[in-house]
Amino acid sequence: MTALLKKIDARVTVEPMTQFARYVGIDYSGAEAPVSRLRALQVYACAGAGAVDAVQPYDRGARNWCRKEVGRYLRECLLGDAPCIIGIDHGFAFPLGYFERHDLASWDAFLGHFCSRWRTDFDHMHVEFARRDNPVGGDASELRLCERWTAGAKSVFHFDVQGSVAKSTHAGIPWLHQLRREPRIRARTHFWPFDGFDIEPGKSVVAEVFPSLFRRRYGRAGRTADEHDAFVVASWLREMDTRGALADYFNPPLTLKERRQARLEGWILGVR
């Protein structure tokens, strides 16, 4: 069978038409402070058909990234010459009930509201410090629609458990707000699905991802768990773009009501 497939492959040549030139996977961490260098914070990327490799921090003497540096890296990617797609492993917003409780009508309104209370982008601010002065916005059982569609996904309010995304979400949202507020980035970047489900050609994309969805598709090859999660995100984004499948993932089978909800809560790219 293998020999037959090789013969078929030799006769059929397909030139992939890709939407993006660069693919970035980030396994996020909300531990410690934005200037703390964290082994759990990993960045992998590839350009075109090139290898998916670890991206090194700006400080050549550092072994690990900090969140502040990752924010700088994302900014440079989004201001680059060619469109890129960036997948980040943390929640981009809260469940619909939070929007209703605080009378928020858009993601931008949510970002401003959240970041006025949780300044977790300050250099030495830990999420744990911020939690002392801010009540958690919801119950640990409160889920976004995309989390109800996804086995294993936890609430963005569920702190202090294995596999929690609450801390990384509360640490990461202010950096999205910073990117969103820069006019040059906003003009050329689609924050999916908050800017809509369809992507305008030539625009870069920033999207929420959940590495567990496709972790087993790719061999571990000696990487740590965090390294592998960042690796599989970049690999999956490139593979789906090369196959021409990203358009389907950008448009999950949601009703109009569900789409309106996802435009507020966000959606996990890859969940269908």
C-alpha atoms as a PDB file:
ATOM      1  CA  MET A   1       0.000   0.000   0.000  1.00  0.00           C
ATOM      2  CA  THR A   2       2.835   2.422   0.854  1.00  0.00           C
ATOM      3  CA  ALA A   3       4.501   1.869  -2.518  1.00  0.00           C
ATOM      4  CA  LEU A   4       1.189   2.471  -4.290  1.00  0.00           C
ATOM      5  CA  LEU A   5       0.637   5.744  -2.410  1.00  0.00           C
ATOM      6  CA  LYS A   6       4.139   6.897  -3.299  1.00  0.00           C
ATOM      7  CA  LYS A   7       3.426   6.257  -6.990  1.00  0.00           C
ATOM      8  CA  ILE A   8       0.200   8.233  -6.759  1.00  0.00           C
ATOM      9  CA  ASP A   9       1.990  11.072  -4.949  1.00  0.00           C
ATOM     10  CA  ALA A  10       4.626  11.150  -7.673  1.00  0.00           C
ATOM     11  CA  ARG A  11       1.957  11.687 -10.346  1.00  0.00           C
ATOM     12  CA  VAL A  12      -0.090  14.278  -8.456  1.00  0.00           C
ATOM     13  CA  THR A  13       1.501  17.608  -7.627  1.00  0.00           C
ATOM     14  CA  VAL A  14      -0.503  20.142  -5.651  1.00  0.00           C
ATOM     15  CA  GLU A  15       0.746  23.661  -5.148  1.00  0.00           C
ATOM     16  CA  PRO A  16      -0.640  24.810  -1.798  1.00  0.00           C
ATOM     17  CA  MET A  17      -2.268  28.222  -1.708  1.00  0.00           C
ATOM     18  CA  THR A  18      -1.868  29.494   1.811  1.00  0.00           C
ATOM     19  CA  GLN A  19      -3.499  32.436   3.531  1.00  0.00           C
ATOM     20  CA  PHE A  20      -0.638  33.142   5.938  1.00  0.00           C
ATOM     21  CA  ALA A  21       3.132  33.370   5.697  1.00  0.00           C
ATOM     22  CA  ARG A  22       3.947  32.763   9.354  1.00  0.00           C
ATOM     23  CA  TYR A  23       2.411  30.570  12.060  1.00  0.00           C
ATOM     24  CA  VAL A  24       2.935  31.185  15.771  1.00  0.00           C
ATOM     25  CA  GLY A  25       1.913  28.981  18.690  1.00  0.00           C
ATOM     26  CA  ILE A  26       2.087  30.250  22.258  1.00  0.00           C
ATOM     27  CA  ASP A  27       1.638  28.114  25.345  1.00  0.00           C
ATOM     28  CA  TYR A  28       0.803  30.802  27.870  1.00  0.00           C
ATOM     29  CA  SER A  29       1.407  31.045  31.602  1.00  0.00           C
ATOM     30  CA  GLY A  30      -0.103  33.343  34.208  1.00  0.00           C
ATOM     31  CA  ALA A  31       2.435  32.512  36.899  1.00  0.00           C
ATOM     32  CA  GLU A  32       4.372  35.168  38.799  1.00  0.00           C
ATOM     33  CA  ALA A  33       4.780  38.635  37.194  1.00  0.00           C
ATOM     34  CA  PRO A  34       4.921  39.954  33.599  1.00  0.00           C
ATOM     35  CA  VAL A  35       8.707  40.382  33.883  1.00  0.00           C
ATOM     36  CA  SER A  36       9.271  36.915  35.398  1.00  0.00           C
ATOM     37  CA  ARG A  37      10.934  34.401  33.098  1.00  0.00           C
ATOM     38  CA  LEU A  38       8.850  31.253  33.033  1.00  0.00           C
ATOM     39  CA  ARG A  39       9.676  27.781  31.779  1.00  0.00           C
ATOM     40  CA  ALA A  40       5.986  27.203  31.119  1.00  0.00           C
ATOM     41  CA  LEU A  41       5.773  30.160  28.717  1.00  0.00           C
ATOM     42  CA  GLN A  42       6.771  28.858  25.294  1.00  0.00           C
ATOM     43  CA  VAL A  43       6.771  30.307  21.773  1.00  0.00           C
ATOM     44  CA  TYR A  44       7.124  28.220  18.591  1.00  0.00           C
ATOM     45  CA  ALA A  45       6.842  29.469  15.028  1.00  0.00           C
ATOM     46  CA  CYS A  46       7.482  28.629  11.402  1.00  0.00           C
ATOM     47  CA  ALA A  47       7.546  30.527   8.132  1.00  0.00           C
ATOM     48  CA  GLY A  48       5.998  28.885   5.079  1.00  0.00           C
ATOM     49  CA  ALA A  49       7.108  25.296   4.747  1.00  0.00           C
ATOM     50  CA  GLY A  50      10.051  25.771   7.116  1.00  0.00           C
ATOM     51  CA  ALA A  51      10.598  23.845  10.320  1.00  0.00           C
ATOM     52  CA  VAL A  52       8.524  24.622  13.393  1.00  0.00           C
ATOM     53  CA  ASP A  53      11.125  25.788  15.898  1.00  0.00           C
ATOM     54  CA  ALA A  54      11.288  27.381  19.328  1.00  0.00           C
ATOM     55  CA  VAL A  55      11.589  31.151  19.202  1.00  0.00           C
ATOM     56  CA  GLN A  56      14.271  32.438  21.551  1.00  0.00           C
ATOM     57  CA  PRO A  57      13.709  35.364  23.946  1.00  0.00           C
ATOM     58  CA  TYR A  58      15.073  38.782  23.018  1.00  0.00           C
ATOM     59  CA  ASP A  59      17.590  38.663  25.860  1.00  0.00           C
ATOM     60  CA  ARG A  60      20.224  36.264  24.564  1.00  0.00           C
ATOM     61  CA  GLY A  61      21.308  35.467  28.098  1.00  0.00           C
ATOM     62  CA  ALA A  62      17.814  34.322  29.069  1.00  0.00           C
ATOM     63  CA  ARG A  63      16.572  30.770  28.708  1.00  0.00           C
ATOM     64  CA  ASN A  64      12.885  31.598  29.080  1.00  0.00           C
ATOM     65  CA  TRP A  65      10.358  34.190  27.989  1.00  0.00           C
ATOM     66  CA  CYS A  66       8.437  36.614  30.165  1.00  0.00           C
ATOM     67  CA  ARG A  67       4.949  37.856  29.311  1.00  0.00           C
ATOM     68  CA  LYS A  68       6.161  41.386  28.657  1.00  0.00           C
ATOM     69  CA  GLU A  69       8.598  40.107  26.006  1.00  0.00           C
ATOM     70  CA  VAL A  70       5.912  37.936  24.440  1.00  0.00           C
ATOM     71  CA  GLY A  71       3.759  41.035  24.107  1.00  0.00           C
ATOM     72  CA  ARG A  72       6.609  42.748  22.275  1.00  0.00           C
ATOM     73  CA  TYR A  73       7.089  39.717  20.020  1.00  0.00           C
ATOM     74  CA  LEU A  74       3.395  39.624  19.097  1.00  0.00           C
ATOM     75  CA  ARG A  75       3.465  43.306  18.241  1.00  0.00           C
ATOM     76  CA  GLU A  76       6.428  42.826  15.902  1.00  0.00           C
ATOM     77  CA  CYS A  77       4.773  39.831  14.232  1.00  0.00           C
ATOM     78  CA  LEU A  78       1.563  41.770  13.617  1.00  0.00           C
ATOM     79  CA  LEU A  79       3.446  44.752  12.198  1.00  0.00           C
ATOM     80  CA  GLY A  80       5.463  42.529   9.856  1.00  0.00           C
ATOM     81  CA  ASP A  81       5.284  42.660   6.081  1.00  0.00           C
ATOM     82  CA  ALA A  82       3.337  39.412   5.556  1.00  0.00           C
ATOM     83  CA  PRO A  83       0.152  38.154   7.234  1.00  0.00           C
ATOM     84  CA  CYS A  84       0.615  35.767  10.137  1.00  0.00           C
ATOM     85  CA  ILE A  85      -1.694  33.763  12.365  1.00  0.00           C
ATOM     86  CA  ILE A  86      -1.067  33.553  16.098  1.00  0.00           C
ATOM     87  CA  GLY A  87      -2.685  30.997  18.387  1.00  0.00           C
ATOM     88  CA  ILE A  88      -2.594  31.751  22.124  1.00  0.00           C
ATOM     89  CA  ASP A  89      -3.548  29.283  24.858  1.00  0.00           C
ATOM     90  CA  HIS A  90      -5.718  31.372  27.165  1.00  0.00           C
ATOM     91  CA  GLY A  91      -9.257  32.722  27.225  1.00  0.00           C
ATOM     92  CA  PHE A  92      -9.840  36.001  25.409  1.00  0.00           C
ATOM     93  CA  ALA A  93     -13.080  36.918  27.219  1.00  0.00           C
ATOM     94  CA  PHE A  94     -15.580  35.794  29.877  1.00  0.00           C
ATOM     95  CA  PRO A  95     -18.939  34.001  29.688  1.00  0.00           C
ATOM     96  CA  LEU A  96     -22.026  35.837  28.486  1.00  0.00           C
ATOM     97  CA  GLY A  97     -23.364  36.170  32.028  1.00  0.00           C
ATOM     98  CA  TYR A  98     -20.442  38.431  32.911  1.00  0.00           C
ATOM     99  CA  PHE A  99     -21.297  40.749  30.023  1.00  0.00           C
ATOM    100  CA  GLU A 100     -24.920  40.865  31.202  1.00  0.00           C
ATOM    101  CA  ARG A 101     -24.027  41.506  34.849  1.00  0.00           C
ATOM    102  CA  HIS A 102     -21.804  44.442  33.891  1.00  0.00           C
ATOM    103  CA  ASP A 103     -23.889  45.770  30.985  1.00  0.00           C
ATOM    104  CA  LEU A 104     -21.126  45.243  28.410  1.00  0.00           C
ATOM    105  CA  ALA A 105     -22.190  45.212  24.777  1.00  0.00           C
ATOM    106  CA  SER A 106     -18.926  44.412  22.959  1.00  0.00           C
ATOM    107  CA  TRP A 107     -15.532  42.789  23.366  1.00  0.00           C
ATOM    108  CA  ASP A 108     -13.845  46.197  23.331  1.00  0.00           C
ATOM    109  CA  ALA A 109     -16.107  47.318  26.171  1.00  0.00           C
ATOM    110  CA  PHE A 110     -15.158  44.144  28.045  1.00  0.00           C
ATOM    111  CA  LEU A 111     -11.434  44.739  27.503  1.00  0.00           C
ATOM    112  CA  GLY A 112     -11.642  48.279  28.850  1.00  0.00           C
ATOM    113  CA  HIS A 113     -13.755  47.167  31.795  1.00  0.00           C
ATOM    114  CA  PHE A 114     -11.491  44.240  32.692  1.00  0.00           C
ATOM    115  CA  CYS A 115      -8.234  46.158  32.335  1.00  0.00           C
ATOM    116  CA  SER A 116      -9.454  48.997  34.545  1.00  0.00           C
ATOM    117  CA  ARG A 117      -9.739  46.451  37.366  1.00  0.00           C
ATOM    118  CA  TRP A 118      -7.051  43.864  36.647  1.00  0.00           C
ATOM    119  CA  ARG A 119      -3.738  45.596  35.892  1.00  0.00           C
ATOM    120  CA  THR A 120      -1.914  42.319  35.502  1.00  0.00           C
ATOM    121  CA  ASP A 121       0.301  43.876  32.825  1.00  0.00           C
ATOM    122  CA  PHE A 122       2.131  45.960  35.464  1.00  0.00           C
ATOM    123  CA  ASP A 123       5.727  44.767  35.740  1.00  0.00           C
ATOM    124  CA  HIS A 124       5.523  43.275  39.227  1.00  0.00           C
ATOM    125  CA  MET A 125       1.822  42.494  39.496  1.00  0.00           C
ATOM    126  CA  HIS A 126       0.966  38.849  40.106  1.00  0.00           C
ATOM    127  CA  VAL A 127      -2.511  37.530  39.402  1.00  0.00           C
ATOM    128  CA  GLU A 128      -2.560  36.428  43.029  1.00  0.00           C
ATOM    129  CA  PHE A 129      -1.906  40.006  44.147  1.00  0.00           C
ATOM    130  CA  ALA A 130      -4.724  41.285  41.931  1.00  0.00           C
ATOM    131  CA  ARG A 131      -7.113  38.659  43.303  1.00  0.00           C
ATOM    132  CA  ARG A 132      -6.749  40.123  46.798  1.00  0.00           C
ATOM    133  CA  ASP A 133      -8.419  43.349  45.681  1.00  0.00           C
ATOM    134  CA  ASN A 134     -10.759  42.047  42.958  1.00  0.00           C
ATOM    135  CA  PRO A 135     -13.556  39.532  43.338  1.00  0.00           C
ATOM    136  CA  VAL A 136     -13.438  36.804  40.709  1.00  0.00           C
ATOM    137  CA  GLY A 137     -15.997  37.720  38.080  1.00  0.00           C
ATOM    138  CA  GLY A 138     -17.990  34.495  38.136  1.00  0.00           C
ATOM    139  CA  ASP A 139     -18.417  30.981  39.457  1.00  0.00           C
ATOM    140  CA  ALA A 140     -16.050  28.150  38.557  1.00  0.00           C
ATOM    141  CA  SER A 141     -18.994  26.271  37.030  1.00  0.00           C
ATOM    142  CA  GLU A 142     -19.759  29.121  34.601  1.00  0.00           C
ATOM    143  CA  LEU A 143     -18.685  28.197  31.068  1.00  0.00           C
ATOM    144  CA  ARG A 144     -18.531  29.937  27.735  1.00  0.00           C
ATOM    145  CA  LEU A 145     -20.341  28.281  24.841  1.00  0.00           C
ATOM    146  CA  CYS A 146     -17.074  27.069  23.289  1.00  0.00           C
ATOM    147  CA  GLU A 147     -16.102  25.427  26.584  1.00  0.00           C
ATOM    148  CA  ARG A 148     -19.416  23.582  26.692  1.00  0.00           C
ATOM    149  CA  TRP A 149     -18.580  22.269  23.220  1.00  0.00           C
ATOM    150  CA  THR A 150     -15.128  21.082  24.281  1.00  0.00           C
ATOM    151  CA  ALA A 151     -14.273  18.111  26.468  1.00  0.00           C
ATOM    152  CA  GLY A 152     -11.724  19.051  29.113  1.00  0.00           C
ATOM    153  CA  ALA A 153     -11.963  22.843  28.822  1.00  0.00           C
ATOM    154  CA  LYS A 154     -12.328  24.584  32.187  1.00  0.00           C
ATOM    155  CA  SER A 155     -14.024  27.808  33.166  1.00  0.00           C
ATOM    156  CA  VAL A 156     -11.983  31.019  32.984  1.00  0.00           C
ATOM    157  CA  PHE A 157     -13.091  31.513  36.610  1.00  0.00           C
ATOM    158  CA  HIS A 158     -11.800  28.126  37.822  1.00  0.00           C
ATOM    159  CA  PHE A 159      -8.591  28.896  39.695  1.00  0.00           C
ATOM    160  CA  ASP A 160      -6.183  26.659  41.612  1.00  0.00           C
ATOM    161  CA  VAL A 161      -6.788  23.343  39.843  1.00  0.00           C
ATOM    162  CA  GLN A 162      -4.728  21.249  37.455  1.00  0.00           C
ATOM    163  CA  GLY A 163      -5.194  22.395  33.869  1.00  0.00           C
ATOM    164  CA  SER A 164      -6.746  25.710  34.877  1.00  0.00           C
ATOM    165  CA  VAL A 165      -6.705  28.536  32.341  1.00  0.00           C
ATOM    166  CA  ALA A 166      -8.055  31.106  34.805  1.00  0.00           C
ATOM    167  CA  LYS A 167      -4.693  32.507  35.840  1.00  0.00           C
ATOM    168  CA  SER A 168      -3.291  32.678  32.313  1.00  0.00           C
ATOM    169  CA  THR A 169      -6.535  34.297  31.108  1.00  0.00           C
ATOM    170  CA  HIS A 170      -6.457  36.974  33.803  1.00  0.00           C
ATOM    171  CA  ALA A 171      -2.768  37.570  33.074  1.00  0.00           C
ATOM    172  CA  GLY A 172      -3.047  37.598  29.286  1.00  0.00           C
ATOM    173  CA  ILE A 173      -6.110  39.708  28.501  1.00  0.00           C
ATOM    174  CA  PRO A 174      -4.407  43.075  29.230  1.00  0.00           C
ATOM    175  CA  TRP A 175      -1.778  42.323  26.578  1.00  0.00           C
ATOM    176  CA  LEU A 176      -4.539  41.710  24.029  1.00  0.00           C
ATOM    177  CA  HIS A 177      -5.973  45.067  25.043  1.00  0.00           C
ATOM    178  CA  GLN A 178      -2.613  46.749  24.411  1.00  0.00           C
ATOM    179  CA  LEU A 179      -2.383  45.239  20.927  1.00  0.00           C
ATOM    180  CA  ARG A 180      -5.999  46.070  20.167  1.00  0.00           C
ATOM    181  CA  ARG A 181      -5.516  49.728  21.123  1.00  0.00           C
ATOM    182  CA  GLU A 182      -2.624  50.326  18.711  1.00  0.00           C
ATOM    183  CA  PRO A 183      -4.152  51.744  15.494  1.00  0.00           C
ATOM    184  CA  ARG A 184      -1.568  50.235  13.128  1.00  0.00           C
ATOM    185  CA  ILE A 185      -2.129  46.765  14.552  1.00  0.00           C
ATOM    186  CA  ARG A 186      -5.899  47.065  14.623  1.00  0.00           C
ATOM    187  CA  ALA A 187      -5.977  48.182  10.986  1.00  0.00           C
ATOM    188  CA  ARG A 188      -4.176  45.061   9.778  1.00  0.00           C
ATOM    189  CA  THR A 189      -5.193  42.422  12.348  1.00  0.00           C
ATOM    190  CA  HIS A 190      -8.349  40.351  12.754  1.00  0.00           C
ATOM    191  CA  PHE A 191      -9.005  39.410  16.373  1.00  0.00           C
ATOM    192  CA  TRP A 192     -11.086  36.313  15.774  1.00  0.00           C
ATOM    193  CA  PRO A 193     -14.051  35.961  16.150  1.00  0.00           C
ATOM    194  CA  PHE A 194     -14.622  39.359  17.773  1.00  0.00           C
ATOM    195  CA  ASP A 195     -14.087  41.101  14.425  1.00  0.00           C
ATOM    196  CA  GLY A 196     -16.300  38.552  12.699  1.00  0.00           C
ATOM    197  CA  PHE A 197     -15.945  34.955  11.568  1.00  0.00           C
ATOM    198  CA  ASP A 198     -14.743  35.712   8.029  1.00  0.00           C
ATOM    199  CA  ILE A 199     -11.150  36.853   7.552  1.00  0.00           C
ATOM    200  CA  GLU A 200     -10.331  39.590   5.072  1.00  0.00           C
ATOM    201  CA  PRO A 201      -7.490  38.530   2.718  1.00  0.00           C
ATOM    202  CA  GLY A 202      -4.128  39.974   3.680  1.00  0.00           C
ATOM    203  CA  LYS A 203      -4.945  40.423   7.368  1.00  0.00           C
ATOM    204  CA  SER A 204      -3.148  38.736  10.246  1.00  0.00           C
ATOM    205  CA  VAL A 205      -5.170  36.800  12.810  1.00  0.00           C
ATOM    206  CA  VAL A 206      -4.979  36.448  16.576  1.00  0.00           C
ATOM    207  CA  ALA A 207      -7.047  33.557  17.930  1.00  0.00           C
ATOM    208  CA  GLU A 208      -7.580  31.541  21.076  1.00  0.00           C
ATOM    209  CA  VAL A 209      -6.470  27.908  20.916  1.00  0.00           C
ATOM    210  CA  PHE A 210      -6.656  24.794  23.079  1.00  0.00           C
ATOM    211  CA  PRO A 211      -3.609  22.573  22.387  1.00  0.00           C
ATOM    212  CA  SER A 212      -5.292  19.495  23.857  1.00  0.00           C
ATOM    213  CA  LEU A 213      -7.474  19.349  20.748  1.00  0.00           C
ATOM    214  CA  PHE A 214      -4.551  18.299  18.543  1.00  0.00           C
ATOM    215  CA  ARG A 215      -1.717  17.446  20.948  1.00  0.00           C
ATOM    216  CA  ARG A 216      -1.680  13.761  19.999  1.00  0.00           C
ATOM    217  CA  ARG A 217      -1.394  14.421  16.271  1.00  0.00           C
ATOM    218  CA  TYR A 218       2.284  15.289  16.560  1.00  0.00           C
ATOM    219  CA  GLY A 219       5.167  13.322  18.068  1.00  0.00           C
ATOM    220  CA  ARG A 220       6.667  14.663  21.298  1.00  0.00           C
ATOM    221  CA  ALA A 221      10.303  14.366  20.104  1.00  0.00           C
ATOM    222  CA  GLY A 222      11.833  15.181  23.484  1.00  0.00           C
ATOM    223  CA  ARG A 223       9.965  18.430  24.038  1.00  0.00           C
ATOM    224  CA  THR A 224       8.580  19.343  27.446  1.00  0.00           C
ATOM    225  CA  ALA A 225       4.785  19.428  27.777  1.00  0.00           C
ATOM    226  CA  ASP A 226       4.738  23.222  27.442  1.00  0.00           C
ATOM    227  CA  GLU A 227       7.132  23.215  24.493  1.00  0.00           C
ATOM    228  CA  HIS A 228       5.044  20.573  22.781  1.00  0.00           C
ATOM    229  CA  ASP A 229       1.817  22.526  23.248  1.00  0.00           C
ATOM    230  CA  ALA A 230       3.323  25.596  21.567  1.00  0.00           C
ATOM    231  CA  PHE A 231       4.797  23.378  18.837  1.00  0.00           C
ATOM    232  CA  VAL A 232       1.516  21.639  18.032  1.00  0.00           C
ATOM    233  CA  VAL A 233      -0.370  24.935  17.784  1.00  0.00           C
ATOM    234  CA  ALA A 234       2.062  26.351  15.198  1.00  0.00           C
ATOM    235  CA  SER A 235       2.164  22.995  13.382  1.00  0.00           C
ATOM    236  CA  TRP A 236      -1.614  22.619  13.262  1.00  0.00           C
ATOM    237  CA  LEU A 237      -2.166  26.175  12.040  1.00  0.00           C
ATOM    238  CA  ARG A 238       0.326  25.666   9.217  1.00  0.00           C
ATOM    239  CA  GLU A 239      -1.057  22.253   8.309  1.00  0.00           C
ATOM    240  CA  MET A 240      -4.666  23.422   8.195  1.00  0.00           C
ATOM    241  CA  ASP A 241      -3.734  26.476   6.138  1.00  0.00           C
ATOM    242  CA  THR A 242      -1.787  24.334   3.687  1.00  0.00           C
ATOM    243  CA  ARG A 243      -4.772  21.988   3.348  1.00  0.00           C
ATOM    244  CA  GLY A 244      -7.102  24.916   2.766  1.00  0.00           C
ATOM    245  CA  ALA A 245      -9.093  23.915   5.850  1.00  0.00           C
ATOM    246  CA  LEU A 246      -8.780  27.030   8.009  1.00  0.00           C
ATOM    247  CA  ALA A 247     -11.818  28.666   6.395  1.00  0.00           C
ATOM    248  CA  ASP A 248     -13.971  25.851   7.781  1.00  0.00           C
ATOM    249  CA  TYR A 249     -12.539  26.264  11.264  1.00  0.00           C
ATOM    250  CA  PHE A 250     -13.061  30.028  11.084  1.00  0.00           C
ATOM    251  CA  ASN A 251     -16.767  29.311  10.536  1.00  0.00           C
ATOM    252  CA  PRO A 252     -17.956  26.761  13.110  1.00  0.00           C
ATOM    253  CA  PRO A 253     -21.535  25.501  12.654  1.00  0.00           C
ATOM    254  CA  LEU A 254     -23.250  27.999  14.947  1.00  0.00           C
ATOM    255  CA  THR A 255     -26.738  29.446  14.816  1.00  0.00           C
ATOM    256  CA  LEU A 256     -27.111  33.208  14.464  1.00  0.00           C
ATOM    257  CA  LYS A 257     -27.796  33.495  18.212  1.00  0.00           C
ATOM    258  CA  GLU A 258     -24.717  31.408  19.010  1.00  0.00           C
ATOM    259  CA  ARG A 259     -22.582  33.531  16.675  1.00  0.00           C
ATOM    260  CA  ARG A 260     -23.677  36.666  18.482  1.00  0.00           C
ATOM    261  CA  GLN A 261     -22.734  35.050  21.762  1.00  0.00           C
ATOM    262  CA  ALA A 262     -19.343  33.958  20.429  1.00  0.00           C
ATOM    263  CA  ARG A 263     -18.647  37.506  19.176  1.00  0.00           C
ATOM    264  CA  LEU A 264     -18.703  38.486  22.861  1.00  0.00           C
ATOM    265  CA  GLU A 265     -17.318  35.414  24.622  1.00  0.00           C
ATOM    266  CA  GLY A 266     -14.814  34.374  21.981  1.00  0.00           C
ATOM    267  CA  TRP A 267     -14.335  30.935  20.478  1.00  0.00           C
ATOM    268  CA  ILE A 268     -11.582  28.324  20.522  1.00  0.00           C
ATOM    269  CA  LEU A 269     -10.163  27.888  17.025  1.00  0.00           C
ATOM    270  CA  GLY A 270     -10.471  24.209  16.130  1.00  0.00           C
ATOM    271  CA  VAL A 271     -13.733  23.563  17.977  1.00  0.00           C
ATOM    272  CA  ARG A 272     -16.538  22.560  15.639  1.00  0.00           C
END
